[in-house]
Amino acid sequence: MIEVNIEVRDKDFKSLSVKGHGGNLKGKDIVCAAVSAVAQTALGGLLHYGQRHIEWKMESGTLLIRIKEDVTGEVRKSFNAILTATTIALKQIAEEYPSKVKVLITGNKSLRSTQS
């Protein structure tokens, strides 16, 4: 099971955590590959727009991203746009494969109810 945890406070993203595997053989799991691609694309976008404003760690089966408190202005808008799209994509994958992906969003009711 892949577990995705997204924390949002006051409409701003604070963290993204992706842990686990899809359950099939490494390199043969399209669900795991899809989640990894979406999460790593988000990381790439965040690094592009404001590398100094995030802390991150990636290991086998785990990606952790924390947004620092000092993010404001256009960088904040870019981060929120990237992570909104990421959230929507991850929720779509979870809806298609509920036995393999679970997405938990804390702190923002509007994101919890976003439909794919």
C-alpha atoms as a PDB file:
ATOM      1  CA  MET A   1       0.000   0.000   0.000  1.00  0.00           C
ATOM      2  CA  ILE A   2       1.208   3.475  -0.886  1.00  0.00           C
ATOM      3  CA  GLU A   3       0.279   6.092   1.699  1.00  0.00           C
ATOM      4  CA  VAL A   4       0.229   9.760   0.764  1.00  0.00           C
ATOM      5  CA  ASN A   5      -0.082  12.400   3.478  1.00  0.00           C
ATOM      6  CA  ILE A   6      -0.574  16.040   2.547  1.00  0.00           C
ATOM      7  CA  GLU A   7      -0.709  18.805   5.141  1.00  0.00           C
ATOM      8  CA  VAL A   8      -2.314  22.149   4.366  1.00  0.00           C
ATOM      9  CA  ARG A   9      -2.763  25.084   6.762  1.00  0.00           C
ATOM     10  CA  ASP A  10      -4.535  28.331   5.952  1.00  0.00           C
ATOM     11  CA  LYS A  11      -4.757  27.250   2.280  1.00  0.00           C
ATOM     12  CA  ASP A  12      -0.965  26.840   2.058  1.00  0.00           C
ATOM     13  CA  PHE A  13       0.737  23.487   1.612  1.00  0.00           C
ATOM     14  CA  LYS A  14       3.066  22.504   4.441  1.00  0.00           C
ATOM     15  CA  SER A  15       4.195  18.988   3.577  1.00  0.00           C
ATOM     16  CA  LEU A  16       3.888  16.008   1.270  1.00  0.00           C
ATOM     17  CA  SER A  17       4.819  12.492   2.299  1.00  0.00           C
ATOM     18  CA  VAL A  18       4.684   9.422   0.049  1.00  0.00           C
ATOM     19  CA  LYS A  19       5.560   6.050   1.598  1.00  0.00           C
ATOM     20  CA  GLY A  20       5.265   2.462   0.524  1.00  0.00           C
ATOM     21  CA  HIS A  21       5.102   0.353  -2.590  1.00  0.00           C
ATOM     22  CA  GLY A  22       2.308  -0.772  -4.884  1.00  0.00           C
ATOM     23  CA  GLY A  23       2.798  -4.458  -4.140  1.00  0.00           C
ATOM     24  CA  ASN A  24       4.018  -5.791  -7.495  1.00  0.00           C
ATOM     25  CA  LEU A  25       7.570  -6.570  -8.566  1.00  0.00           C
ATOM     26  CA  LYS A  26       9.934  -3.617  -8.754  1.00  0.00           C
ATOM     27  CA  GLY A  27       9.779  -2.122 -12.216  1.00  0.00           C
ATOM     28  CA  LYS A  28       6.500  -3.924 -12.998  1.00  0.00           C
ATOM     29  CA  ASP A  29       4.034  -1.876 -10.951  1.00  0.00           C
ATOM     30  CA  ILE A  30       2.264   0.815 -12.970  1.00  0.00           C
ATOM     31  CA  VAL A  31       0.532   2.239  -9.902  1.00  0.00           C
ATOM     32  CA  CYS A  32       3.797   2.687  -8.017  1.00  0.00           C
ATOM     33  CA  ALA A  33       5.378   4.163 -11.145  1.00  0.00           C
ATOM     34  CA  ALA A  34       2.493   6.611 -11.572  1.00  0.00           C
ATOM     35  CA  VAL A  35       2.636   7.787  -7.959  1.00  0.00           C
ATOM     36  CA  SER A  36       6.422   8.093  -8.121  1.00  0.00           C
ATOM     37  CA  ALA A  37       6.270  10.095 -11.344  1.00  0.00           C
ATOM     38  CA  VAL A  38       3.708  12.528  -9.945  1.00  0.00           C
ATOM     39  CA  ALA A  39       5.546  12.970  -6.628  1.00  0.00           C
ATOM     40  CA  GLN A  40       8.971  13.377  -8.220  1.00  0.00           C
ATOM     41  CA  THR A  41       7.593  15.885 -10.737  1.00  0.00           C
ATOM     42  CA  ALA A  42       6.222  17.900  -7.810  1.00  0.00           C
ATOM     43  CA  LEU A  43       9.631  17.803  -6.144  1.00  0.00           C
ATOM     44  CA  GLY A  44      11.270  18.965  -9.380  1.00  0.00           C
ATOM     45  CA  GLY A  45       8.872  21.889  -9.664  1.00  0.00           C
ATOM     46  CA  LEU A  46       9.387  22.919  -6.050  1.00  0.00           C
ATOM     47  CA  LEU A  47      13.161  22.750  -6.440  1.00  0.00           C
ATOM     48  CA  HIS A  48      12.922  24.831  -9.618  1.00  0.00           C
ATOM     49  CA  TYR A  49      10.858  27.619  -8.053  1.00  0.00           C
ATOM     50  CA  GLY A  50      12.386  27.793  -4.607  1.00  0.00           C
ATOM     51  CA  GLN A  51      14.969  25.215  -3.595  1.00  0.00           C
ATOM     52  CA  ARG A  52      15.960  27.090  -0.449  1.00  0.00           C
ATOM     53  CA  HIS A  53      12.358  27.051   0.782  1.00  0.00           C
ATOM     54  CA  ILE A  54      11.988  23.282   1.071  1.00  0.00           C
ATOM     55  CA  GLU A  55      13.522  20.402   2.954  1.00  0.00           C
ATOM     56  CA  TRP A  56      13.262  17.013   1.284  1.00  0.00           C
ATOM     57  CA  LYS A  57      14.429  13.430   1.506  1.00  0.00           C
ATOM     58  CA  MET A  58      14.027  10.615  -1.014  1.00  0.00           C
ATOM     59  CA  GLU A  59      14.832   6.967  -0.384  1.00  0.00           C
ATOM     60  CA  SER A  60      13.494   3.705  -1.756  1.00  0.00           C
ATOM     61  CA  GLY A  61       9.746   3.797  -1.196  1.00  0.00           C
ATOM     62  CA  THR A  62       9.751   7.188   0.536  1.00  0.00           C
ATOM     63  CA  LEU A  63       9.591  10.844  -0.462  1.00  0.00           C
ATOM     64  CA  LEU A  64       9.229  13.516   2.203  1.00  0.00           C
ATOM     65  CA  ILE A  65       8.879  17.213   1.382  1.00  0.00           C
ATOM     66  CA  ARG A  66       8.444  19.973   3.961  1.00  0.00           C
ATOM     67  CA  ILE A  67       7.766  23.568   2.970  1.00  0.00           C
ATOM     68  CA  LYS A  68       9.566  26.061   5.180  1.00  0.00           C
ATOM     69  CA  GLU A  69       7.607  28.819   6.914  1.00  0.00           C
ATOM     70  CA  ASP A  70       9.454  31.635   5.102  1.00  0.00           C
ATOM     71  CA  VAL A  71       7.750  31.082   1.716  1.00  0.00           C
ATOM     72  CA  THR A  72       5.753  34.095   0.495  1.00  0.00           C
ATOM     73  CA  GLY A  73       4.639  35.896  -2.655  1.00  0.00           C
ATOM     74  CA  GLU A  74       5.121  34.370  -6.094  1.00  0.00           C
ATOM     75  CA  VAL A  75       7.106  31.423  -4.742  1.00  0.00           C
ATOM     76  CA  ARG A  76       4.204  30.541  -2.419  1.00  0.00           C
ATOM     77  CA  LYS A  77       1.740  30.821  -5.315  1.00  0.00           C
ATOM     78  CA  SER A  78       3.931  28.549  -7.447  1.00  0.00           C
ATOM     79  CA  PHE A  79       4.295  26.020  -4.637  1.00  0.00           C
ATOM     80  CA  ASN A  80       0.537  25.969  -4.014  1.00  0.00           C
ATOM     81  CA  ALA A  81      -0.209  25.529  -7.727  1.00  0.00           C
ATOM     82  CA  ILE A  82       2.277  22.666  -8.071  1.00  0.00           C
ATOM     83  CA  LEU A  83       1.000  20.903  -4.972  1.00  0.00           C
ATOM     84  CA  THR A  84      -2.668  21.430  -5.849  1.00  0.00           C
ATOM     85  CA  ALA A  85      -2.093  19.710  -9.205  1.00  0.00           C
ATOM     86  CA  THR A  86      -0.078  16.999  -7.437  1.00  0.00           C
ATOM     87  CA  THR A  87      -2.889  16.418  -4.948  1.00  0.00           C
ATOM     88  CA  ILE A  88      -5.481  16.124  -7.699  1.00  0.00           C
ATOM     89  CA  ALA A  89      -3.332  13.659  -9.658  1.00  0.00           C
ATOM     90  CA  LEU A  90      -2.597  11.502  -6.601  1.00  0.00           C
ATOM     91  CA  LYS A  91      -6.280  11.460  -5.654  1.00  0.00           C
ATOM     92  CA  GLN A  92      -7.193  10.354  -9.174  1.00  0.00           C
ATOM     93  CA  ILE A  93      -4.744   7.460  -8.933  1.00  0.00           C
ATOM     94  CA  ALA A  94      -6.099   6.537  -5.481  1.00  0.00           C
ATOM     95  CA  GLU A  95      -9.680   6.573  -6.792  1.00  0.00           C
ATOM     96  CA  GLU A  96      -8.709   4.246  -9.630  1.00  0.00           C
ATOM     97  CA  TYR A  97      -6.649   1.917  -7.396  1.00  0.00           C
ATOM     98  CA  PRO A  98      -8.075   2.199  -3.858  1.00  0.00           C
ATOM     99  CA  SER A  99      -6.487  -1.065  -2.706  1.00  0.00           C
ATOM    100  CA  LYS A 100      -3.015   0.249  -3.603  1.00  0.00           C
ATOM    101  CA  VAL A 101      -3.047   3.989  -2.810  1.00  0.00           C
ATOM    102  CA  LYS A 102      -4.440   5.943   0.123  1.00  0.00           C
ATOM    103  CA  VAL A 103      -4.381   9.761   0.206  1.00  0.00           C
ATOM    104  CA  LEU A 104      -4.896  11.621   3.485  1.00  0.00           C
ATOM    105  CA  ILE A 105      -5.209  15.404   3.418  1.00  0.00           C
ATOM    106  CA  THR A 106      -5.205  17.312   6.681  1.00  0.00           C
ATOM    107  CA  GLY A 107      -6.143  20.916   7.203  1.00  0.00           C
ATOM    108  CA  ASN A 108      -8.149  21.929   4.115  1.00  0.00           C
ATOM    109  CA  LYS A 109     -11.706  20.783   3.480  1.00  0.00           C
ATOM    110  CA  SER A 110     -11.819  22.040  -0.111  1.00  0.00           C
ATOM    111  CA  LEU A 111      -8.918  19.796  -1.138  1.00  0.00           C
ATOM    112  CA  ARG A 112     -10.476  16.800   0.569  1.00  0.00           C
ATOM    113  CA  SER A 113     -13.592  17.169  -1.553  1.00  0.00           C
ATOM    114  CA  THR A 114     -11.877  17.826  -4.895  1.00  0.00           C
ATOM    115  CA  GLN A 115     -13.202  15.332  -7.410  1.00  0.00           C
ATOM    116  CA  SER A 116     -11.216  13.924 -10.306  1.00  0.00           C
END
